[in-house]
Amino acid sequence: MSNIVPLISSGTAGPLGVLHLPRLWQKVSLEAAGKIADGYPGIGAGYDSMVIDALGLNADSVRSFITDSKPTYPQFEAWVQSQPGVKLEGGTVSSLHAIIT
């Protein structure tokens, strides 16, 4: 089977309203399954790391949760919301969106 290019746009937000989060989930999910196309990191230094850092998440924890649990996207968002110290307030998300757009 051929590898898959992540097609979810960085401009897409899920129910939490955080841009790029669906794409991040897709990339890490594909990487965990060994199906991500060459040249696409599961968690890269660009928007992936910016979203993780802005939300106050830990990149290793994000990768581990997705790799070990293989969550649906809604399950991933629920996990994000449950993380201690997560920053989902409007100012944080608005600032992140300004960078992404």
PDB file of N, CA and C in Angstrom:
ATOM      1  N   MET A   1       0.840  -1.172   0.000  1.00  0.00           N
ATOM      2  CA  MET A   1       0.000   0.000   0.000  1.00  0.00           C
ATOM      3  C   MET A   1       0.887   1.237   0.000  1.00  0.00           C
ATOM      4  N   SER A   2       0.494   2.236  -0.741  1.00  0.00           N
ATOM      5  CA  SER A   2       1.298   3.448  -0.818  1.00  0.00           C
ATOM      6  C   SER A   2       1.068   4.331   0.402  1.00  0.00           C
ATOM      7  N   ASN A   3       2.009   5.194   0.637  1.00  0.00           N
ATOM      8  CA  ASN A   3       1.897   6.127   1.750  1.00  0.00           C
ATOM      9  C   ASN A   3       0.945   7.253   1.401  1.00  0.00           C
ATOM     10  N   ILE A   4       0.455   7.929   2.430  1.00  0.00           N
ATOM     11  CA  ILE A   4      -0.604   8.916   2.270  1.00  0.00           C
ATOM     12  C   ILE A   4      -0.088  10.320   2.570  1.00  0.00           C
ATOM     13  N   VAL A   5      -0.403  11.251   1.678  1.00  0.00           N
ATOM     14  CA  VAL A   5      -0.113  12.665   1.896  1.00  0.00           C
ATOM     15  C   VAL A   5      -1.239  13.223   2.769  1.00  0.00           C
ATOM     16  N   PRO A   6      -0.906  13.883   3.889  1.00  0.00           N
ATOM     17  CA  PRO A   6      -1.950  14.464   4.741  1.00  0.00           C
ATOM     18  C   PRO A   6      -2.696  15.565   3.983  1.00  0.00           C
ATOM     19  N   LEU A   7      -4.007  15.422   3.858  1.00  0.00           N
ATOM     20  CA  LEU A   7      -4.788  16.359   3.053  1.00  0.00           C
ATOM     21  C   LEU A   7      -5.617  17.349   3.857  1.00  0.00           C
ATOM     22  N   ILE A   8      -5.656  17.203   5.168  1.00  0.00           N
ATOM     23  CA  ILE A   8      -6.376  18.183   5.975  1.00  0.00           C
ATOM     24  C   ILE A   8      -5.552  19.464   5.997  1.00  0.00           C
ATOM     25  N   SER A   9      -6.174  20.582   5.706  1.00  0.00           N
ATOM     26  CA  SER A   9      -5.498  21.873   5.652  1.00  0.00           C
ATOM     27  C   SER A   9      -5.148  22.391   7.039  1.00  0.00           C
ATOM     28  N   SER A  10      -4.087  23.162   7.127  1.00  0.00           N
ATOM     29  CA  SER A  10      -3.753  23.841   8.381  1.00  0.00           C
ATOM     30  C   SER A  10      -4.825  24.856   8.754  1.00  0.00           C
ATOM     31  N   GLY A  11      -5.608  25.279   7.776  1.00  0.00           N
ATOM     32  CA  GLY A  11      -6.685  26.237   8.015  1.00  0.00           C
ATOM     33  C   GLY A  11      -7.973  25.599   8.513  1.00  0.00           C
ATOM     34  N   THR A  12      -7.937  24.315   8.824  1.00  0.00           N
ATOM     35  CA  THR A  12      -9.116  23.605   9.313  1.00  0.00           C
ATOM     36  C   THR A  12      -9.061  23.505  10.832  1.00  0.00           C
ATOM     37  N   ALA A  13     -10.204  23.774  11.462  1.00  0.00           N
ATOM     38  CA  ALA A  13     -10.340  23.632  12.913  1.00  0.00           C
ATOM     39  C   ALA A  13     -11.417  22.596  13.201  1.00  0.00           C
ATOM     40  N   GLY A  14     -11.277  21.902  14.298  1.00  0.00           N
ATOM     41  CA  GLY A  14     -12.306  20.972  14.750  1.00  0.00           C
ATOM     42  C   GLY A  14     -13.250  21.675  15.713  1.00  0.00           C
ATOM     43  N   PRO A  15     -14.062  20.921  16.439  1.00  0.00           N
ATOM     44  CA  PRO A  15     -15.019  21.505  17.378  1.00  0.00           C
ATOM     45  C   PRO A  15     -14.400  22.412  18.441  1.00  0.00           C
ATOM     46  N   LEU A  16     -13.145  22.162  18.843  1.00  0.00           N
ATOM     47  CA  LEU A  16     -12.491  23.046  19.818  1.00  0.00           C
ATOM     48  C   LEU A  16     -12.168  24.407  19.215  1.00  0.00           C
ATOM     49  N   GLY A  17     -12.153  24.490  17.893  1.00  0.00           N
ATOM     50  CA  GLY A  17     -11.885  25.760  17.226  1.00  0.00           C
ATOM     51  C   GLY A  17     -10.419  26.097  17.071  1.00  0.00           C
ATOM     52  N   VAL A  18      -9.542  25.111  17.145  1.00  0.00           N
ATOM     53  CA  VAL A  18      -8.100  25.348  17.036  1.00  0.00           C
ATOM     54  C   VAL A  18      -7.631  24.958  15.632  1.00  0.00           C
ATOM     55  N   LEU A  19      -7.178  25.965  14.878  1.00  0.00           N
ATOM     56  CA  LEU A  19      -6.647  25.698  13.539  1.00  0.00           C
ATOM     57  C   LEU A  19      -5.454  24.748  13.622  1.00  0.00           C
ATOM     58  N   HIS A  20      -5.305  23.928  12.632  1.00  0.00           N
ATOM     59  CA  HIS A  20      -4.205  22.989  12.433  1.00  0.00           C
ATOM     60  C   HIS A  20      -4.284  21.746  13.323  1.00  0.00           C
ATOM     61  N   LEU A  21      -5.075  21.766  14.382  1.00  0.00           N
ATOM     62  CA  LEU A  21      -5.135  20.608  15.270  1.00  0.00           C
ATOM     63  C   LEU A  21      -5.609  19.344  14.545  1.00  0.00           C
ATOM     64  N   PRO A  22      -6.622  19.429  13.657  1.00  0.00           N
ATOM     65  CA  PRO A  22      -7.005  18.221  12.911  1.00  0.00           C
ATOM     66  C   PRO A  22      -5.869  17.682  12.022  1.00  0.00           C
ATOM     67  N   ARG A  23      -5.117  18.582  11.402  1.00  0.00           N
ATOM     68  CA  ARG A  23      -4.007  18.147  10.554  1.00  0.00           C
ATOM     69  C   ARG A  23      -2.916  17.485  11.397  1.00  0.00           C
ATOM     70  N   LEU A  24      -2.631  18.053  12.559  1.00  0.00           N
ATOM     71  CA  LEU A  24      -1.645  17.470  13.460  1.00  0.00           C
ATOM     72  C   LEU A  24      -2.044  16.046  13.840  1.00  0.00           C
ATOM     73  N   TRP A  25      -3.316  15.873  14.219  1.00  0.00           N
ATOM     74  CA  TRP A  25      -3.818  14.537  14.559  1.00  0.00           C
ATOM     75  C   TRP A  25      -3.658  13.570  13.379  1.00  0.00           C
ATOM     76  N   GLN A  26      -4.014  14.034  12.176  1.00  0.00           N
ATOM     77  CA  GLN A  26      -3.910  13.174  11.007  1.00  0.00           C
ATOM     78  C   GLN A  26      -2.464  12.769  10.739  1.00  0.00           C
ATOM     79  N   LYS A  27      -1.546  13.727  10.808  1.00  0.00           N
ATOM     80  CA  LYS A  27      -0.145  13.434  10.532  1.00  0.00           C
ATOM     81  C   LYS A  27       0.431  12.426  11.526  1.00  0.00           C
ATOM     82  N   VAL A  28       0.160  12.632  12.811  1.00  0.00           N
ATOM     83  CA  VAL A  28       0.695  11.709  13.816  1.00  0.00           C
ATOM     84  C   VAL A  28       0.032  10.340  13.679  1.00  0.00           C
ATOM     85  N   SER A  29      -1.252  10.322  13.369  1.00  0.00           N
ATOM     86  CA  SER A  29      -1.956   9.049  13.159  1.00  0.00           C
ATOM     87  C   SER A  29      -1.366   8.285  11.985  1.00  0.00           C
ATOM     88  N   LEU A  30      -1.115   8.979  10.891  1.00  0.00           N
ATOM     89  CA  LEU A  30      -0.512   8.325   9.724  1.00  0.00           C
ATOM     90  C   LEU A  30       0.897   7.833  10.029  1.00  0.00           C
ATOM     91  N   GLU A  31       1.658   8.641  10.744  1.00  0.00           N
ATOM     92  CA  GLU A  31       3.013   8.237  11.119  1.00  0.00           C
ATOM     93  C   GLU A  31       2.966   6.974  11.992  1.00  0.00           C
ATOM     94  N   ALA A  32       2.052   6.954  12.958  1.00  0.00           N
ATOM     95  CA  ALA A  32       1.935   5.804  13.856  1.00  0.00           C
ATOM     96  C   ALA A  32       1.584   4.526  13.101  1.00  0.00           C
ATOM     97  N   ALA A  33       0.832   4.677  12.021  1.00  0.00           N
ATOM     98  CA  ALA A  33       0.433   3.523  11.214  1.00  0.00           C
ATOM     99  C   ALA A  33       1.466   3.179  10.144  1.00  0.00           C
ATOM    100  N   GLY A  34       2.539   3.962  10.067  1.00  0.00           N
ATOM    101  CA  GLY A  34       3.562   3.729   9.054  1.00  0.00           C
ATOM    102  C   GLY A  34       3.092   4.065   7.653  1.00  0.00           C
ATOM    103  N   LYS A  35       2.120   4.992   7.555  1.00  0.00           N
ATOM    104  CA  LYS A  35       1.526   5.298   6.252  1.00  0.00           C
ATOM    105  C   LYS A  35       1.718   6.734   5.796  1.00  0.00           C
ATOM    106  N   ILE A  36       2.493   7.535   6.519  1.00  0.00           N
ATOM    107  CA  ILE A  36       2.660   8.932   6.118  1.00  0.00           C
ATOM    108  C   ILE A  36       3.653   9.008   4.952  1.00  0.00           C
ATOM    109  N   ALA A  37       3.361   9.872   4.013  1.00  0.00           N
ATOM    110  CA  ALA A  37       4.214  10.034   2.833  1.00  0.00           C
ATOM    111  C   ALA A  37       5.585  10.576   3.233  1.00  0.00           C
ATOM    112  N   ASP A  38       6.576  10.204   2.440  1.00  0.00           N
ATOM    113  CA  ASP A  38       7.931  10.690   2.669  1.00  0.00           C
ATOM    114  C   ASP A  38       7.945  12.211   2.709  1.00  0.00           C
ATOM    115  N   GLY A  39       8.726  12.747   3.634  1.00  0.00           N
ATOM    116  CA  GLY A  39       8.876  14.189   3.741  1.00  0.00           C
ATOM    117  C   GLY A  39       7.909  14.851   4.711  1.00  0.00           C
ATOM    118  N   TYR A  40       6.981  14.084   5.242  1.00  0.00           N
ATOM    119  CA  TYR A  40       6.017  14.626   6.204  1.00  0.00           C
ATOM    120  C   TYR A  40       6.316  14.056   7.586  1.00  0.00           C
ATOM    121  N   PRO A  41       6.779  14.910   8.511  1.00  0.00           N
ATOM    122  CA  PRO A  41       6.983  14.406   9.872  1.00  0.00           C
ATOM    123  C   PRO A  41       5.646  14.326  10.600  1.00  0.00           C
ATOM    124  N   GLY A  42       5.548  13.421  11.564  1.00  0.00           N
ATOM    125  CA  GLY A  42       4.345  13.374  12.383  1.00  0.00           C
ATOM    126  C   GLY A  42       4.177  14.678  13.143  1.00  0.00           C
ATOM    127  N   ILE A  43       5.239  15.092  13.802  1.00  0.00           N
ATOM    128  CA  ILE A  43       5.269  16.388  14.484  1.00  0.00           C
ATOM    129  C   ILE A  43       6.501  17.116  13.987  1.00  0.00           C
ATOM    130  N   GLY A  44       6.262  18.159  13.215  1.00  0.00           N
ATOM    131  CA  GLY A  44       7.355  18.940  12.653  1.00  0.00           C
ATOM    132  C   GLY A  44       7.637  20.192  13.470  1.00  0.00           C
ATOM    133  N   ALA A  45       8.629  20.935  13.022  1.00  0.00           N
ATOM    134  CA  ALA A  45       9.070  22.136  13.734  1.00  0.00           C
ATOM    135  C   ALA A  45       8.203  23.358  13.442  1.00  0.00           C
ATOM    136  N   GLY A  46       7.321  23.285  12.463  1.00  0.00           N
ATOM    137  CA  GLY A  46       6.501  24.441  12.095  1.00  0.00           C
ATOM    138  C   GLY A  46       5.217  24.529  12.897  1.00  0.00           C
ATOM    139  N   TYR A  47       4.089  24.528  12.183  1.00  0.00           N
ATOM    140  CA  TYR A  47       2.783  24.677  12.828  1.00  0.00           C
ATOM    141  C   TYR A  47       2.517  23.599  13.876  1.00  0.00           C
ATOM    142  N   ASP A  48       2.993  22.385  13.647  1.00  0.00           N
ATOM    143  CA  ASP A  48       2.774  21.313  14.619  1.00  0.00           C
ATOM    144  C   ASP A  48       3.297  21.733  15.989  1.00  0.00           C
ATOM    145  N   SER A  49       4.548  22.131  16.030  1.00  0.00           N
ATOM    146  CA  SER A  49       5.166  22.526  17.297  1.00  0.00           C
ATOM    147  C   SER A  49       4.550  23.810  17.847  1.00  0.00           C
ATOM    148  N   MET A  50       4.193  24.732  16.966  1.00  0.00           N
ATOM    149  CA  MET A  50       3.563  25.975  17.430  1.00  0.00           C
ATOM    150  C   MET A  50       2.237  25.696  18.119  1.00  0.00           C
ATOM    151  N   VAL A  51       1.424  24.820  17.542  1.00  0.00           N
ATOM    152  CA  VAL A  51       0.128  24.488  18.140  1.00  0.00           C
ATOM    153  C   VAL A  51       0.336  23.784  19.475  1.00  0.00           C
ATOM    154  N   ILE A  52       1.200  22.802  19.508  1.00  0.00           N
ATOM    155  CA  ILE A  52       1.472  22.065  20.741  1.00  0.00           C
ATOM    156  C   ILE A  52       1.953  23.014  21.832  1.00  0.00           C
ATOM    157  N   ASP A  53       2.908  23.874  21.503  1.00  0.00           N
ATOM    158  CA  ASP A  53       3.456  24.805  22.494  1.00  0.00           C
ATOM    159  C   ASP A  53       2.418  25.826  22.948  1.00  0.00           C
ATOM    160  N   ALA A  54       1.671  26.386  22.003  1.00  0.00           N
ATOM    161  CA  ALA A  54       0.674  27.404  22.353  1.00  0.00           C
ATOM    162  C   ALA A  54      -0.397  26.844  23.279  1.00  0.00           C
ATOM    163  N   LEU A  55      -0.775  25.594  23.068  1.00  0.00           N
ATOM    164  CA  LEU A  55      -1.812  24.982  23.896  1.00  0.00           C
ATOM    165  C   LEU A  55      -1.270  24.446  25.223  1.00  0.00           C
ATOM    166  N   GLY A  56       0.044  24.496  25.393  1.00  0.00           N
ATOM    167  CA  GLY A  56       0.647  24.019  26.631  1.00  0.00           C
ATOM    168  C   GLY A  56       0.714  22.506  26.726  1.00  0.00           C
ATOM    169  N   LEU A  57       0.783  21.851  25.565  1.00  0.00           N
ATOM    170  CA  LEU A  57       0.862  20.395  25.525  1.00  0.00           C
ATOM    171  C   LEU A  57       2.314  19.949  25.442  1.00  0.00           C
ATOM    172  N   ASN A  58       2.546  18.672  25.641  1.00  0.00           N
ATOM    173  CA  ASN A  58       3.858  18.072  25.525  1.00  0.00           C
ATOM    174  C   ASN A  58       3.879  17.226  24.251  1.00  0.00           C
ATOM    175  N   ALA A  59       4.831  17.484  23.371  1.00  0.00           N
ATOM    176  CA  ALA A  59       4.884  16.790  22.082  1.00  0.00           C
ATOM    177  C   ALA A  59       5.005  15.273  22.248  1.00  0.00           C
ATOM    178  N   ASP A  60       5.815  14.820  23.195  1.00  0.00           N
ATOM    179  CA  ASP A  60       5.957  13.375  23.401  1.00  0.00           C
ATOM    180  C   ASP A  60       4.649  12.753  23.884  1.00  0.00           C
ATOM    181  N   SER A  61       3.914  13.489  24.726  1.00  0.00           N
ATOM    182  CA  SER A  61       2.627  12.990  25.212  1.00  0.00           C
ATOM    183  C   SER A  61       1.605  12.930  24.094  1.00  0.00           C
ATOM    184  N   VAL A  62       1.606  13.937  23.225  1.00  0.00           N
ATOM    185  CA  VAL A  62       0.695  13.941  22.073  1.00  0.00           C
ATOM    186  C   VAL A  62       0.979  12.732  21.200  1.00  0.00           C
ATOM    187  N   ARG A  63       2.242  12.541  20.866  1.00  0.00           N
ATOM    188  CA  ARG A  63       2.632  11.415  20.014  1.00  0.00           C
ATOM    189  C   ARG A  63       2.283  10.083  20.675  1.00  0.00           C
ATOM    190  N   SER A  64       2.588   9.946  21.948  1.00  0.00           N
ATOM    191  CA  SER A  64       2.309   8.694  22.665  1.00  0.00           C
ATOM    192  C   SER A  64       0.816   8.401  22.717  1.00  0.00           C
ATOM    193  N   PHE A  65       0.007   9.416  23.026  1.00  0.00           N
ATOM    194  CA  PHE A  65      -1.430   9.190  23.112  1.00  0.00           C
ATOM    195  C   PHE A  65      -1.987   8.721  21.774  1.00  0.00           C
ATOM    196  N   ILE A  66      -1.609   9.404  20.700  1.00  0.00           N
ATOM    197  CA  ILE A  66      -2.133   9.041  19.385  1.00  0.00           C
ATOM    198  C   ILE A  66      -1.609   7.678  18.944  1.00  0.00           C
ATOM    199  N   THR A  67      -0.342   7.418  19.173  1.00  0.00           N
ATOM    200  CA  THR A  67       0.258   6.139  18.769  1.00  0.00           C
ATOM    201  C   THR A  67      -0.324   4.969  19.559  1.00  0.00           C
ATOM    202  N   ASP A  68      -0.463   5.144  20.855  1.00  0.00           N
ATOM    203  CA  ASP A  68      -0.915   4.046  21.710  1.00  0.00           C
ATOM    204  C   ASP A  68      -2.429   3.844  21.674  1.00  0.00           C
ATOM    205  N   SER A  69      -3.181   4.939  21.642  1.00  0.00           N
ATOM    206  CA  SER A  69      -4.646   4.850  21.752  1.00  0.00           C
ATOM    207  C   SER A  69      -5.375   4.840  20.413  1.00  0.00           C
ATOM    208  N   LYS A  70      -4.700   5.335  19.362  1.00  0.00           N
ATOM    209  CA  LYS A  70      -5.323   5.423  18.037  1.00  0.00           C
ATOM    210  C   LYS A  70      -6.721   6.059  18.121  1.00  0.00           C
ATOM    211  N   PRO A  71      -6.783   7.266  18.705  1.00  0.00           N
ATOM    212  CA  PRO A  71      -8.084   7.894  18.925  1.00  0.00           C
ATOM    213  C   PRO A  71      -8.713   8.428  17.638  1.00  0.00           C
ATOM    214  N   THR A  72     -10.047   8.506  17.658  1.00  0.00           N
ATOM    215  CA  THR A  72     -10.731   9.280  16.620  1.00  0.00           C
ATOM    216  C   THR A  72     -10.404  10.737  16.883  1.00  0.00           C
ATOM    217  N   TYR A  73     -10.738  11.600  15.930  1.00  0.00           N
ATOM    218  CA  TYR A  73     -10.441  13.009  16.169  1.00  0.00           C
ATOM    219  C   TYR A  73     -11.200  13.550  17.389  1.00  0.00           C
ATOM    220  N   PRO A  74     -12.496  13.265  17.559  1.00  0.00           N
ATOM    221  CA  PRO A  74     -13.178  13.752  18.771  1.00  0.00           C
ATOM    222  C   PRO A  74     -12.548  13.230  20.069  1.00  0.00           C
ATOM    223  N   GLN A  75     -12.065  12.001  20.052  1.00  0.00           N
ATOM    224  CA  GLN A  75     -11.385  11.471  21.231  1.00  0.00           C
ATOM    225  C   GLN A  75     -10.081  12.213  21.494  1.00  0.00           C
ATOM    226  N   PHE A  76      -9.385  12.577  20.421  1.00  0.00           N
ATOM    227  CA  PHE A  76      -8.154  13.352  20.578  1.00  0.00           C
ATOM    228  C   PHE A  76      -8.453  14.720  21.182  1.00  0.00           C
ATOM    229  N   GLU A  77      -9.481  15.397  20.684  1.00  0.00           N
ATOM    230  CA  GLU A  77      -9.836  16.703  21.244  1.00  0.00           C
ATOM    231  C   GLU A  77     -10.232  16.578  22.716  1.00  0.00           C
ATOM    232  N   ALA A  78     -10.948  15.535  23.081  1.00  0.00           N
ATOM    233  CA  ALA A  78     -11.316  15.322  24.483  1.00  0.00           C
ATOM    234  C   ALA A  78     -10.063  15.134  25.337  1.00  0.00           C
ATOM    235  N   TRP A  79      -9.087  14.413  24.803  1.00  0.00           N
ATOM    236  CA  TRP A  79      -7.822  14.219  25.511  1.00  0.00           C
ATOM    237  C   TRP A  79      -7.115  15.560  25.676  1.00  0.00           C
ATOM    238  N   VAL A  80      -7.067  16.358  24.617  1.00  0.00           N
ATOM    239  CA  VAL A  80      -6.429  17.679  24.695  1.00  0.00           C
ATOM    240  C   VAL A  80      -7.073  18.491  25.817  1.00  0.00           C
ATOM    241  N   GLN A  81      -8.400  18.518  25.844  1.00  0.00           N
ATOM    242  CA  GLN A  81      -9.115  19.284  26.868  1.00  0.00           C
ATOM    243  C   GLN A  81      -8.801  18.793  28.281  1.00  0.00           C
ATOM    244  N   SER A  82      -8.502  17.528  28.425  1.00  0.00           N
ATOM    245  CA  SER A  82      -8.270  16.948  29.752  1.00  0.00           C
ATOM    246  C   SER A  82      -6.849  17.151  30.268  1.00  0.00           C
ATOM    247  N   GLN A  83      -5.961  17.682  29.449  1.00  0.00           N
ATOM    248  CA  GLN A  83      -4.568  17.804  29.860  1.00  0.00           C
ATOM    249  C   GLN A  83      -4.386  18.930  30.876  1.00  0.00           C
ATOM    250  N   PRO A  84      -3.632  18.657  31.938  1.00  0.00           N
ATOM    251  CA  PRO A  84      -3.390  19.692  32.952  1.00  0.00           C
ATOM    252  C   PRO A  84      -2.702  20.909  32.344  1.00  0.00           C
ATOM    253  N   GLY A  85      -3.228  22.081  32.641  1.00  0.00           N
ATOM    254  CA  GLY A  85      -2.612  23.317  32.169  1.00  0.00           C
ATOM    255  C   GLY A  85      -2.881  23.666  30.723  1.00  0.00           C
ATOM    256  N   VAL A  86      -3.743  22.921  30.038  1.00  0.00           N
ATOM    257  CA  VAL A  86      -4.022  23.211  28.636  1.00  0.00           C
ATOM    258  C   VAL A  86      -4.583  24.627  28.513  1.00  0.00           C
ATOM    259  N   LYS A  87      -4.169  25.311  27.454  1.00  0.00           N
ATOM    260  CA  LYS A  87      -4.556  26.709  27.234  1.00  0.00           C
ATOM    261  C   LYS A  87      -5.471  26.787  26.021  1.00  0.00           C
ATOM    262  N   LEU A  88      -6.762  26.838  26.267  1.00  0.00           N
ATOM    263  CA  LEU A  88      -7.737  26.892  25.179  1.00  0.00           C
ATOM    264  C   LEU A  88      -8.549  28.186  25.198  1.00  0.00           C
ATOM    265  N   GLU A  89      -8.165  29.129  26.042  1.00  0.00           N
ATOM    266  CA  GLU A  89      -8.917  30.375  26.114  1.00  0.00           C
ATOM    267  C   GLU A  89      -8.758  31.174  24.820  1.00  0.00           C
ATOM    268  N   GLY A  90      -9.704  32.083  24.618  1.00  0.00           N
ATOM    269  CA  GLY A  90      -9.788  32.834  23.369  1.00  0.00           C
ATOM    270  C   GLY A  90      -8.523  33.555  22.965  1.00  0.00           C
ATOM    271  N   GLY A  91      -7.836  34.191  23.912  1.00  0.00           N
ATOM    272  CA  GLY A  91      -6.628  34.941  23.568  1.00  0.00           C
ATOM    273  C   GLY A  91      -5.522  34.064  23.017  1.00  0.00           C
ATOM    274  N   THR A  92      -5.334  32.918  23.611  1.00  0.00           N
ATOM    275  CA  THR A  92      -4.305  31.985  23.147  1.00  0.00           C
ATOM    276  C   THR A  92      -4.634  31.486  21.745  1.00  0.00           C
ATOM    277  N   VAL A  93      -5.874  31.076  21.566  1.00  0.00           N
ATOM    278  CA  VAL A  93      -6.298  30.531  20.271  1.00  0.00           C
ATOM    279  C   VAL A  93      -6.283  31.621  19.201  1.00  0.00           C
ATOM    280  N   SER A  94      -6.726  32.818  19.546  1.00  0.00           N
ATOM    281  CA  SER A  94      -6.719  33.934  18.584  1.00  0.00           C
ATOM    282  C   SER A  94      -5.303  34.276  18.134  1.00  0.00           C
ATOM    283  N   SER A  95      -4.373  34.309  19.071  1.00  0.00           N
ATOM    284  CA  SER A  95      -2.981  34.598  18.727  1.00  0.00           C
ATOM    285  C   SER A  95      -2.402  33.516  17.816  1.00  0.00           C
ATOM    286  N   LEU A  96      -2.716  32.271  18.127  1.00  0.00           N
ATOM    287  CA  LEU A  96      -2.260  31.160  17.306  1.00  0.00           C
ATOM    288  C   LEU A  96      -2.840  31.258  15.898  1.00  0.00           C
ATOM    289  N   HIS A  97      -4.123  31.571  15.807  1.00  0.00           N
ATOM    290  CA  HIS A  97      -4.778  31.693  14.500  1.00  0.00           C
ATOM    291  C   HIS A  97      -4.162  32.831  13.681  1.00  0.00           C
ATOM    292  N   ALA A  98      -3.803  33.903  14.324  1.00  0.00           N
ATOM    293  CA  ALA A  98      -3.180  35.030  13.615  1.00  0.00           C
ATOM    294  C   ALA A  98      -1.863  34.600  12.967  1.00  0.00           C
ATOM    295  N   ILE A  99      -1.127  33.740  13.637  1.00  0.00           N
ATOM    296  CA  ILE A  99       0.141  33.249  13.083  1.00  0.00           C
ATOM    297  C   ILE A  99      -0.122  32.299  11.918  1.00  0.00           C
ATOM    298  N   ILE A 100      -1.078  31.418  12.090  1.00  0.00           N
ATOM    299  CA  ILE A 100      -1.362  30.398  11.068  1.00  0.00           C
ATOM    300  C   ILE A 100      -1.968  31.020   9.807  1.00  0.00           C
ATOM    301  N   THR A 101      -2.840  31.988   9.994  1.00  0.00           N
ATOM    302  CA  THR A 101      -3.472  32.593   8.814  1.00  0.00           C
ATOM    303  C   THR A 101      -2.636  33.710   8.267  1.00  0.00           C
TER     304      THR A 101
END
